[in-house]
Protein backbone atom coordinates (compact mmCIF):
# COMPACT_ATOMS: atom_id res chain seq x y z
CA MET A 1 66.28 104.54 132.41
CA PRO A 2 66.97 106.76 129.36
CA LEU A 3 64.55 108.87 127.95
CA ALA A 4 62.73 107.48 124.68
CA LYS A 5 63.69 108.94 121.14
CA PRO A 6 61.43 111.01 119.75
CA ALA A 7 60.72 108.46 116.87
CA HIS A 8 60.23 105.86 119.43
CA LEU A 9 57.71 108.11 121.37
CA ALA A 10 55.77 108.78 118.21
CA ARG A 11 55.57 105.04 117.45
CA PHE A 12 54.49 104.30 120.96
CA PHE A 13 51.47 106.88 120.69
CA VAL A 14 50.65 105.73 117.00
CA TYR A 15 50.56 102.23 117.84
CA GLY A 16 48.71 102.85 121.23
CA SER A 17 46.10 104.47 119.14
CA LEU A 18 45.94 101.63 116.78
CA VAL A 19 45.38 99.06 119.51
CA LEU A 20 42.80 101.19 121.35
CA ALA A 21 40.91 101.51 118.21
CA LEU A 22 41.35 97.93 117.44
CA GLY A 23 39.91 97.08 120.71
CA ILE A 24 36.81 99.15 120.18
CA ALA A 25 36.29 97.82 116.84
CA LEU A 26 36.47 94.15 117.91
CA PHE A 27 34.86 94.14 121.17
CA PRO A 28 31.65 91.94 121.05
CA ARG A 29 28.28 94.50 121.37
CA GLN A 30 26.28 93.49 124.54
CA GLY A 31 24.13 90.64 123.87
CA GLN A 32 25.84 89.54 120.76
CA SER A 33 26.91 85.88 120.73
CA GLY A 34 30.29 84.40 119.58
CA SER A 35 28.79 83.13 116.36
CA ALA A 36 26.99 86.06 115.49
CA GLN A 37 30.43 87.76 115.70
CA LYS A 38 31.94 85.42 113.17
CA SER A 39 29.38 86.35 110.44
CA THR A 40 30.25 88.72 107.84
CA GLU A 41 28.05 91.67 108.00
CA PRO A 42 28.42 94.77 105.69
CA LEU A 43 30.50 97.33 107.34
CA ASP A 44 28.95 100.47 108.18
CA ALA A 45 30.59 103.63 107.13
CA LYS A 46 31.93 104.55 110.41
CA THR A 47 33.53 100.87 111.02
CA ARG A 48 34.92 100.75 107.85
CA ALA A 49 36.65 104.33 108.26
CA THR A 50 38.09 102.95 111.62
CA TYR A 51 39.42 100.08 109.86
CA GLU A 52 41.00 101.86 107.23
CA ALA A 53 42.51 104.35 109.68
CA ILE A 54 44.00 101.45 111.67
CA LEU A 55 45.80 99.81 108.62
CA THR A 56 46.91 103.30 107.30
CA ARG A 57 48.61 103.85 110.78
CA TYR A 58 50.19 100.30 110.50
CA LEU A 59 51.47 101.04 106.83
CA SER A 60 53.07 104.41 108.04
CA SER A 61 55.25 102.58 109.99
CA LEU A 62 57.54 101.33 107.08
CA PRO A 63 60.65 103.07 106.64
CA SER A 64 59.66 104.92 103.71
CA GLY A 65 55.86 105.74 104.93
CA ALA A 66 52.78 104.36 103.85
CA PRO A 67 52.61 103.59 99.85
CA PRO A 68 50.09 105.89 98.18
CA ALA A 69 48.84 102.93 96.08
CA ALA A 70 48.47 100.70 98.91
CA VAL A 71 46.51 103.30 101.02
CA ALA A 72 44.14 103.93 97.83
CA ALA A 73 43.62 100.09 97.73
CA LEU A 74 42.21 100.06 101.17
CA LYS A 75 39.31 102.04 99.65
CA THR A 76 38.41 98.89 97.36
CA THR A 77 39.28 96.23 99.64
CA ALA A 78 36.36 93.76 100.18
CA PRO A 79 34.64 94.42 103.51
CA ASP A 80 35.19 90.58 104.82
CA THR A 81 38.69 91.02 103.82
CA LEU A 82 39.19 94.13 105.39
CA SER A 83 37.53 92.58 108.40
CA ARG A 84 40.11 89.70 108.42
CA LEU A 85 43.03 92.02 108.30
CA ILE A 86 41.80 93.67 111.37
CA THR A 87 41.87 90.45 113.08
CA TRP A 88 45.22 89.58 111.52
CA LEU A 89 46.74 92.85 112.61
CA PRO A 90 47.38 91.75 116.48
CA THR A 91 48.47 88.07 115.64
CA PRO A 92 51.99 87.49 117.12
CA ASN A 93 54.76 88.87 114.97
CA ASP A 94 56.43 85.50 113.92
CA GLN A 95 53.08 84.18 112.57
CA ARG A 96 51.74 87.53 111.00
CA PRO A 97 53.87 87.08 107.72
CA ASN A 98 52.39 83.77 106.79
CA LEU A 99 48.74 84.51 108.02
CA LEU A 100 48.43 87.20 105.53
CA PHE A 101 48.14 84.63 102.87
CA ASP A 102 44.98 83.54 104.55
CA SER A 103 43.08 86.92 104.58
CA ALA A 104 41.68 86.44 101.21
CA LEU A 105 43.42 89.66 100.12
CA PRO A 106 44.35 89.30 96.44
CA LEU A 107 47.98 88.94 95.57
CA ASN A 108 48.02 91.50 93.02
CA SER A 109 46.47 94.25 95.20
CA PRO A 110 49.00 96.94 95.92
CA LEU A 111 48.04 96.65 99.68
CA PHE A 112 49.53 92.79 99.91
CA PRO A 113 53.25 93.41 99.15
CA ALA A 114 52.91 96.64 101.62
CA LEU A 115 51.45 94.62 104.44
CA LEU A 116 53.72 91.89 103.92
CA GLU A 117 56.66 94.41 104.03
CA ALA A 118 54.96 95.95 107.02
CA ALA A 119 55.24 92.75 108.82
CA PHE A 120 58.72 92.04 108.51
CA VAL A 121 60.27 95.62 109.01
CA GLY A 122 57.15 97.53 110.04
CA HIS A 123 56.01 98.27 113.58
CA LEU A 124 57.05 95.54 116.23
CA PRO A 125 58.40 93.16 113.66
CA PRO A 126 59.63 89.63 114.31
CA PRO A 127 63.25 89.50 115.74
CA LEU A 128 65.75 90.10 112.86
CA ALA A 129 67.52 86.59 113.37
CA ILE A 130 64.37 84.67 112.44
CA THR A 131 63.18 86.76 109.65
CA PRO A 132 65.44 84.39 107.12
CA THR A 133 63.40 81.59 108.23
CA LEU A 134 60.06 83.42 108.10
CA LEU A 135 60.83 84.27 104.85
CA GLN A 136 61.71 80.81 103.42
CA LYS A 137 58.45 79.53 104.72
CA LEU A 138 56.27 81.98 102.97
CA PRO A 139 53.98 80.48 100.06
CA LEU A 140 55.70 82.46 97.41
CA ASP A 141 57.69 81.01 94.25
CA LYS A 142 61.32 81.24 94.64
CA ALA A 143 61.68 83.45 91.70
CA ASP A 144 58.78 85.81 92.80
CA PRO A 145 60.13 89.40 92.51
CA LEU A 146 58.26 90.00 95.81
CA ARG A 147 60.60 87.82 97.76
CA LEU A 148 63.64 89.94 96.38
CA HIS A 149 61.91 93.00 97.49
CA LEU A 150 61.56 91.54 100.94
CA LEU A 151 65.40 90.54 100.92
CA GLN A 152 66.54 94.00 100.35
CA ALA A 153 63.84 95.55 103.03
CA LEU A 154 65.28 93.33 105.48
CA ALA A 155 68.78 94.16 104.50
CA ALA A 156 68.24 97.62 105.14
CA ARG A 157 66.87 96.73 108.34
CA ALA A 158 69.86 94.86 109.33
CA ALA A 159 72.02 97.83 108.13
CA SER A 160 70.13 100.21 110.43
CA ASP A 161 70.28 97.91 113.26
CA GLN A 162 73.88 97.66 112.90
CA GLN A 163 74.00 93.75 112.20
CA PRO A 164 76.52 93.49 109.37
CA ARG A 165 76.32 89.59 109.56
CA VAL A 166 72.74 88.94 109.03
CA GLN A 167 72.66 92.09 106.46
CA HIS A 168 75.60 90.22 104.40
CA TYR A 169 73.60 86.93 104.39
CA LEU A 170 70.25 88.76 103.31
CA LEU A 171 72.38 90.88 100.76
CA SER A 172 73.75 87.45 99.25
CA GLN A 173 70.16 85.68 99.14
CA ALA A 174 69.09 88.93 97.24
CA ALA A 175 71.97 88.75 94.90
CA ARG A 176 71.37 85.28 93.99
CA HIS A 177 67.57 85.60 93.43
CA PRO A 178 66.44 84.67 90.02
CA ALA A 179 64.85 88.35 89.58
CA ALA A 180 68.21 89.96 90.67
CA SER A 181 70.03 92.48 88.55
CA TRP A 182 73.62 93.63 88.50
CA THR A 183 72.46 96.22 91.04
CA GLN A 184 72.14 93.47 93.58
CA VAL A 185 75.05 92.01 92.95
CA GLN A 186 77.18 95.08 92.93
CA THR A 187 75.56 95.92 96.48
CA LEU A 188 76.76 92.72 97.76
CA ILE A 189 80.15 93.34 96.35
CA ASP A 190 80.21 96.81 98.10
CA HIS A 191 79.38 95.45 101.46
CA ALA A 192 81.93 92.39 101.04
CA ILE A 193 84.72 94.95 100.70
CA ALA A 194 83.57 97.20 103.24
CA THR A 195 83.44 94.38 105.74
CA GLN A 196 86.14 92.13 104.30
CA VAL A 197 83.67 89.29 104.24
CA THR A 198 84.56 88.20 100.79
CA ASP A 199 83.86 84.41 100.56
CA GLU A 200 80.33 84.76 99.48
CA ALA A 201 80.55 87.49 97.11
CA ILE A 202 83.65 85.82 95.35
CA ALA A 203 81.70 82.64 94.95
CA LEU A 204 78.54 84.24 93.69
CA LEU A 205 80.59 86.62 91.14
CA SER A 206 82.59 83.57 89.92
CA ASP A 207 79.18 81.64 89.21
CA TRP A 208 77.84 84.62 87.65
CA LEU A 209 80.76 84.96 85.26
CA ASP A 210 80.73 81.30 84.41
CA ASP A 211 77.08 81.62 83.31
CA PRO A 212 76.31 85.44 82.79
CA PRO A 213 72.73 86.60 81.84
CA THR A 214 71.65 86.73 78.17
CA PRO A 215 71.92 89.20 76.43
CA HIS A 216 74.74 90.55 78.44
CA ASP A 217 76.99 93.83 77.75
CA PRO A 218 80.53 93.23 77.22
CA LYS A 219 81.38 96.06 79.29
CA GLN A 220 79.52 94.74 82.52
CA ILE A 221 81.51 91.37 82.06
CA ASN A 222 84.52 93.53 82.40
CA ALA A 223 83.17 95.44 85.33
CA ALA A 224 82.28 92.04 86.91
CA ARG A 225 86.05 90.73 86.26
CA ARG A 226 87.16 93.98 87.65
CA ALA A 227 85.07 93.64 90.96
CA LEU A 228 86.12 90.05 91.32
CA ALA A 229 89.85 91.03 91.10
CA SER A 230 88.99 93.67 93.85
CA LEU A 231 87.50 91.10 95.98
CA HIS A 232 90.28 88.79 95.70
CA LEU A 233 92.66 91.97 96.54
CA THR A 234 90.45 92.46 99.61
CA ALA A 235 90.81 88.83 100.54
CA LYS A 236 94.76 88.98 100.11
CA HIS A 237 94.54 86.48 97.05
CA PRO A 238 97.18 88.32 94.60
CA ASP A 239 97.76 85.56 92.31
CA GLU A 240 93.90 85.13 91.84
CA ALA A 241 93.63 89.03 91.25
CA ALA A 242 96.45 89.01 88.74
CA LYS A 243 95.09 86.05 86.79
CA ILE A 244 91.53 88.01 86.25
CA LEU A 245 93.24 91.30 85.42
CA ALA A 246 95.75 89.93 82.92
CA PRO A 247 93.39 89.83 79.94
CA LEU A 248 91.94 93.37 80.72
CA ILE A 249 95.21 95.42 80.96
CA GLN A 250 97.12 93.35 78.13
CA ASN A 251 94.66 94.70 75.16
CA GLN A 252 97.10 96.86 73.28
CA THR A 253 94.47 98.71 71.63
CA GLN A 254 92.94 100.27 74.44
CA PRO A 255 93.83 98.99 78.23
CA ASP A 256 91.03 98.81 80.78
CA LEU A 257 91.84 101.83 82.84
CA ASP A 258 90.15 100.80 85.81
CA ALA A 259 91.66 97.24 85.59
CA LEU A 260 95.05 98.66 85.36
CA ASP A 261 94.30 100.97 88.51
CA LEU A 262 93.53 97.85 90.40
CA ALA A 263 96.63 95.97 88.82
CA TRP A 264 98.89 98.68 90.01
CA THR A 265 97.35 98.34 93.54
CA LEU A 266 98.20 94.75 93.34
CA ALA A 267 101.68 95.72 92.14
CA GLY A 268 102.05 97.73 94.98
CA LEU A 269 101.25 94.68 97.38
CA THR A 270 103.60 92.24 95.55
CA GLN A 271 106.19 94.73 94.92
CA ASN A 272 106.59 93.57 91.13
CA PRO A 273 105.51 96.01 88.52
CA ALA A 274 107.18 94.33 85.74
CA PRO A 275 103.94 92.81 84.16
CA LEU A 276 102.54 96.61 84.05
CA ILE A 277 105.36 98.20 82.19
CA ALA A 278 104.25 97.01 78.67
CA PRO A 279 100.55 97.77 79.19
CA ILE A 280 100.99 101.30 80.71
CA GLU A 281 103.45 102.11 77.72
CA SER A 282 100.46 101.09 75.42
CA LEU A 283 98.32 103.48 77.38
CA LEU A 284 100.83 106.37 77.35
CA ARG A 285 101.35 106.18 73.47
CA ARG A 286 97.92 107.51 73.18
CA TYR A 287 99.08 110.86 74.26
CA PRO A 288 101.25 113.03 71.77
CA GLN A 289 103.73 114.32 74.62
CA HIS A 290 104.85 110.69 74.89
CA LEU A 291 106.38 110.44 71.39
CA LEU A 292 108.56 113.56 72.08
CA ASN A 293 111.69 114.23 73.42
CA TRP A 294 111.88 115.85 76.79
CA ARG A 295 113.76 118.91 74.91
CA GLU A 296 110.32 119.51 72.88
CA LEU A 297 107.65 119.30 75.70
CA SER A 298 107.61 123.04 76.28
CA LEU A 299 105.82 123.50 73.00
CA THR A 300 103.19 121.31 73.64
CA PRO A 301 99.85 122.11 75.43
CA ALA A 302 99.23 121.32 79.09
CA PRO A 303 99.17 117.58 79.38
CA ASP A 304 96.16 115.41 80.42
CA PRO A 305 96.15 114.59 84.26
CA THR A 306 95.64 111.05 83.26
CA TYR A 307 98.77 111.05 81.17
CA LEU A 308 100.74 112.34 84.15
CA LEU A 309 99.36 109.81 86.63
CA TRP A 310 100.43 107.04 84.45
CA LEU A 311 103.81 108.71 83.48
CA ASP A 312 104.57 108.99 87.01
CA ARG A 313 103.60 105.31 87.73
CA LEU A 314 105.50 103.98 84.63
CA THR A 315 108.54 106.02 85.93
CA ASN A 316 108.33 104.33 89.27
CA ALA A 317 107.74 100.84 87.78
CA CYS A 318 110.89 101.37 85.57
CA THR A 319 113.09 102.66 88.38
CA GLN A 320 111.99 99.67 90.81
CA THR A 321 112.89 97.26 87.91
CA GLU A 322 116.32 98.84 87.34
CA GLN A 323 115.49 99.84 83.53
CA ASP A 324 117.77 102.88 84.16
CA ALA A 325 117.63 104.37 80.72
CA ARG A 326 113.86 104.10 80.33
CA ALA A 327 113.26 105.44 83.82
CA VAL A 328 115.72 108.42 83.29
CA GLU A 329 114.02 109.29 79.77
CA LEU A 330 110.50 109.12 81.70
CA GLY A 331 111.44 111.22 84.86
CA LEU A 332 112.80 113.72 82.28
CA HIS A 333 109.45 114.04 80.62
CA LEU A 334 107.60 114.26 84.38
CA ALA A 335 110.00 116.99 85.73
CA THR A 336 109.49 118.99 82.59
CA LEU A 337 105.76 118.56 82.40
CA HIS A 338 104.96 118.49 86.21
CA SER A 339 107.60 119.53 88.64
CA PRO A 340 111.63 119.20 89.30
CA THR A 341 110.85 116.99 92.40
CA LYS A 342 109.93 114.27 89.91
CA LEU A 343 113.64 113.82 89.26
CA LEU A 344 114.19 112.64 92.66
CA PRO A 345 113.78 108.81 92.16
CA ILE A 346 115.54 108.66 88.85
CA LEU A 347 118.86 110.51 90.01
CA PRO A 348 120.56 107.14 90.89
CA ALA A 349 119.43 105.65 87.68
CA ALA A 350 120.94 108.85 85.85
CA ALA A 351 124.35 108.30 87.29
CA ARG A 352 124.38 104.78 86.54
CA ALA A 353 123.16 105.36 82.95
CA ASP A 354 125.79 108.16 82.69
CA ARG A 355 122.86 110.45 81.84
CA PHE A 356 123.18 112.90 84.60
CA PRO A 357 124.31 115.59 82.37
CA GLU A 358 120.88 115.73 80.79
CA VAL A 359 119.49 115.91 84.46
CA LEU A 360 121.75 118.94 84.86
CA GLU A 361 120.77 120.50 81.62
CA LEU A 362 116.91 120.45 82.42
CA LEU A 363 117.59 122.15 85.78
CA ASP A 364 119.51 124.77 84.14
CA ARG A 365 116.58 125.44 82.03
CA LEU A 366 114.21 125.26 85.20
CA GLU A 367 116.58 127.64 87.08
CA LYS A 368 116.05 130.42 84.33
CA THR A 369 112.13 129.88 84.62
CA ALA A 370 112.42 130.06 88.44
CA ALA A 371 114.59 133.02 88.64
CA SER A 372 112.20 134.92 86.50
CA ALA A 373 109.58 134.08 88.76
CA ASN A 374 111.59 134.92 91.84
CA GLN A 375 111.10 131.41 92.89
CA ALA A 376 113.83 129.13 94.93
CA SER A 377 116.61 127.36 92.99
CA PRO A 378 115.00 124.22 91.96
CA THR A 379 118.66 122.53 91.94
CA LEU A 380 119.08 123.53 95.68
CA THR A 381 115.81 122.28 96.64
CA LEU A 382 116.59 119.09 95.13
CA ALA A 383 120.00 118.66 96.35
CA GLU A 384 118.40 119.63 99.89
CA THR A 385 115.95 116.80 99.64
CA CYS A 386 118.58 114.25 98.47
CA TYR A 387 120.57 115.02 101.53
CA GLN A 388 117.73 114.59 103.84
CA GLN A 389 116.89 111.11 102.11
CA GLN A 390 120.55 110.19 102.49
CA ASP A 391 121.25 110.17 98.60
CA ILE A 392 124.68 111.91 99.15
CA ASP A 393 125.99 111.19 95.85
CA SER A 394 123.19 112.83 94.08
CA ALA A 395 123.24 115.69 96.30
CA ARG A 396 126.69 116.20 95.81
CA ARG A 397 126.64 116.19 92.11
CA LEU A 398 123.79 118.58 92.29
CA LEU A 399 125.74 121.17 94.32
CA GLU A 400 128.81 120.80 92.76
CA HIS A 401 127.07 122.02 89.30
CA ARG A 402 125.25 124.78 91.16
CA LEU A 403 128.33 126.02 92.78
CA GLU A 404 129.73 126.50 89.41
CA GLN A 405 126.76 128.69 88.43
CA THR A 406 126.74 130.45 91.72
CA PRO A 407 130.11 130.04 93.62
CA ALA A 408 129.46 132.68 96.22
CA HIS A 409 125.57 131.50 97.05
CA LEU A 410 125.63 131.03 100.79
CA PRO A 411 123.00 128.33 101.28
CA THR A 412 124.57 126.38 98.42
CA LEU A 413 128.12 126.69 100.19
CA ARG A 414 126.60 125.63 103.60
CA LEU A 415 124.60 122.65 102.18
CA SER A 416 127.88 121.48 100.17
CA LEU A 417 129.64 121.54 103.48
CA GLN A 418 126.71 119.58 105.16
CA VAL A 419 126.85 117.06 102.47
CA LYS A 420 130.85 116.92 102.38
CA SER A 421 130.92 116.52 106.29
CA HIS A 422 128.20 113.68 106.30
CA ALA A 423 130.54 110.96 107.06
CA LEU A 424 133.24 112.59 109.06
CA PRO A 425 134.04 112.42 112.74
CA PRO A 426 132.48 115.32 114.60
CA MET A 427 135.80 116.93 115.61
CA GLN A 428 136.81 117.23 111.68
CA THR A 429 133.10 118.48 111.07
CA ALA A 430 133.75 121.01 113.60
CA ILE A 431 137.07 122.14 112.05
CA LEU A 432 135.01 122.25 108.96
CA TRP A 433 132.68 124.79 110.19
CA ARG A 434 135.03 126.96 111.85
CA ARG A 435 137.14 127.65 108.41
CA HIS A 436 133.48 128.31 106.82
CA LEU A 437 132.80 130.74 109.52
CA GLN A 438 136.12 132.56 109.20
CA GLN A 439 134.81 133.52 105.73
CA HIS A 440 131.42 133.99 106.25
CA PRO A 441 131.05 134.91 110.08
CA ASP A 442 127.57 136.23 109.54
CA ASP A 443 126.10 132.85 108.86
CA LEU A 444 124.04 132.24 111.68
CA PHE A 445 123.05 128.60 110.79
CA ALA A 446 126.49 127.75 110.64
CA HIS A 447 127.37 128.80 113.99
CA GLN A 448 124.25 126.53 115.33
CA LEU A 449 125.95 123.70 113.09
CA LEU A 450 129.35 124.34 114.62
CA VAL A 451 127.84 124.21 118.21
CA ASP A 452 126.22 120.84 117.54
CA ALA A 453 129.53 119.45 115.87
CA TRP A 454 131.17 120.34 119.06
CA LEU A 455 128.85 119.02 121.28
CA ALA A 456 128.56 115.59 119.13
CA ALA A 457 132.41 115.69 119.71
CA HIS A 458 131.79 115.92 123.76
CA GLN A 459 133.40 119.20 123.59
CA PRO A 460 130.76 121.45 125.10
CA SER A 461 133.49 123.73 126.84
CA ALA A 462 134.77 124.54 123.07
CA ALA A 463 130.97 125.30 122.04
CA VAL A 464 130.59 127.54 125.01
CA ASN A 465 134.01 129.43 124.25
CA HIS A 466 133.20 129.71 120.50
CA LEU A 467 129.87 131.44 121.30
CA LEU A 468 131.36 133.72 123.54
CA ALA A 469 134.14 134.57 121.17
CA THR A 470 131.62 135.62 118.53
CA ASP A 471 130.09 139.13 118.41
CA SER A 472 127.01 138.83 120.27
CA SER A 473 125.12 140.79 117.27
CA ARG A 474 126.26 137.90 114.89
CA LEU A 475 124.02 135.35 117.26
CA ASP A 476 120.25 135.08 117.55
CA THR A 477 118.17 134.94 121.08
CA ASP A 478 118.33 131.07 120.82
CA LEU A 479 122.06 130.91 120.61
CA ARG A 480 122.60 133.43 123.27
CA LEU A 481 120.30 131.47 125.49
CA ARG A 482 122.03 128.29 124.64
CA THR A 483 125.45 129.83 125.77
CA ALA A 484 123.97 130.37 129.21
CA GLN A 485 122.27 126.94 129.35
CA LEU A 486 125.48 125.30 128.26
CA ALA A 487 127.91 127.09 130.51
CA LEU A 488 125.69 126.24 133.39
CA GLU A 489 125.26 122.51 132.73
CA ASN A 490 129.02 122.03 132.13
CA ARG A 491 130.01 124.22 135.27
CA GLN A 492 131.77 126.79 133.35
CA ASN A 493 131.41 129.35 136.25
CA ALA A 494 133.64 131.77 134.59
CA ALA A 495 131.67 132.01 131.26
CA PHE A 496 128.01 131.81 132.93
CA PRO A 497 128.06 135.25 134.07
CA ARG A 498 129.31 136.48 130.55
CA ALA A 499 126.44 134.54 128.85
CA ILE A 500 123.98 136.10 131.18
CA GLN A 501 125.44 139.65 130.78
CA ARG A 502 125.28 139.13 127.00
CA LEU A 503 121.38 138.24 127.37
CA LEU A 504 120.91 141.39 129.53
CA ASP A 505 122.48 143.46 126.96
CA ALA A 506 120.80 142.22 124.24
CA LYS A 507 117.39 142.53 126.09
CA ASP A 508 116.63 139.18 125.39
CA PRO A 509 113.50 137.51 127.17
CA ILE A 510 114.53 135.12 129.95
CA PRO A 511 112.66 131.86 129.97
CA ALA A 512 110.32 131.79 133.17
CA GLU A 513 111.37 127.97 133.87
CA SER A 514 115.13 129.10 133.74
CA LEU A 515 115.15 132.23 135.94
CA SER A 516 114.99 130.75 139.15
CA LEU A 517 117.87 128.43 138.65
CA TRP A 518 119.94 131.00 137.04
CA THR A 519 119.16 133.55 139.67
CA GLN A 520 120.43 130.85 142.46
CA HIS A 521 123.67 130.14 140.59
CA LEU A 522 124.56 133.90 140.17
CA GLN A 523 123.99 134.12 143.80
CA ALA A 524 126.07 131.01 144.78
CA LEU A 525 128.91 132.64 142.64
CA LYS A 526 128.52 135.74 144.83
CA LEU A 527 127.37 138.02 141.94
CA PRO A 528 124.17 139.47 143.56
CA THR A 529 123.97 142.56 141.32
CA LEU A 530 123.71 140.27 138.34
CA ALA A 531 121.28 138.24 139.69
CA THR A 532 119.06 141.23 140.77
CA ALA A 533 119.18 142.46 137.37
CA LEU A 534 118.17 139.27 135.73
CA GLN A 535 115.25 139.08 137.93
CA MET A 536 114.26 142.67 137.06
CA ASP A 537 114.95 141.86 133.13
């Protein structure tokens, strides 16, 4: 049996002392009849203090502790009422809430709501599943704020007990209570989105919007509409969400940013950003940068992050809807204000709209800034990303322009060759890399790519022969190790010892997992001296 938690132990001792004191207080005195017990006699100071202590301990079992106003009210509670409360305390937990109304404790006493709440969520409360029924049976008016308070207390207990379905029901009842405010409605909405149980929240919020409280704040109405749209998004009702958001985002004077953000999420689900282009344009026209040509932006102050966010989204929307000319203009703005990588999505559109020269013009400006800051070439970085993303045409255009500026730049030459050989058979690719290496024998990465091309062409012997024919100092440890491994795998017994000797000459570390096999193969080739040297390395 697991050990009790400290909080549970504390409650056990508190309640144990409570019951013991209660037993002492209520046990009939010797020689006293049952009828005498029921008479209402004035309480002596000691008994009253005992009763007050018992009830204070009971109130302290509330999640937030004993309310000071309730504890203070114990001092002024009538003696006969105090006695009834003491006899009420040990009654069955499913009867205790209703019986409190028969205790003669005034309903306007601060003690009354505290004891009623303790009966539901204090020490040894009734099972959570039956509490909604017990709450309905209370002789309280449906609109009584105390009923709302108890619903919220029970919802908090359900959350603590990890019973989300009961919690959701209690929150929905609290939100529909006549005394409920927007806070209770928002709590239900948040829980509905978190648990993805949206039906009740959608129904309640729809009713609320059909008949909002009077007077009401228009901002709160908009917040309710956004919340309803968010619930429909959670419930995967995109058409309903779009219908609700439309009047919020089509305000030409000042679109609702939060609603526009929800609509952007919706556009991602439906893959249809077209309806958002006009509202986003309306939003961006409020910023001075938006009215300028991209060439003039370097003279403007740093842009607002909100402007950059929605400029990026508008660029994507125009790109997706193939509004090429507008997408290019926006992309040039964005790249100028933020980063050249923002040109990536609009490069194909720039080619289609015959505006690629503007892209290159902007990149030339950015190249000067990068060079002065000793940073990497933005054009080459962009071309590398295009190549990785299989946008070969854009990569080729960028590299051709960059080679006009720096014809001897080795990384640009190498990437250009990778782009050129992209769709070629492996054998032709290998020939291109051989020609490149004849002019640039120290291009280590090109040696690796040539080996890969030979292997793709199913010519491992050619790969090994190339590596052995290359000056060892022009290779790195990985390529020298690869020479030995390829020679062994392809049974090039004449090449294998030469590859091992190059490793030994370069003092390269031998992988532990290869040492045993390589040594055995050298011994099988009757090269014991080389095998011994390999083991001693």
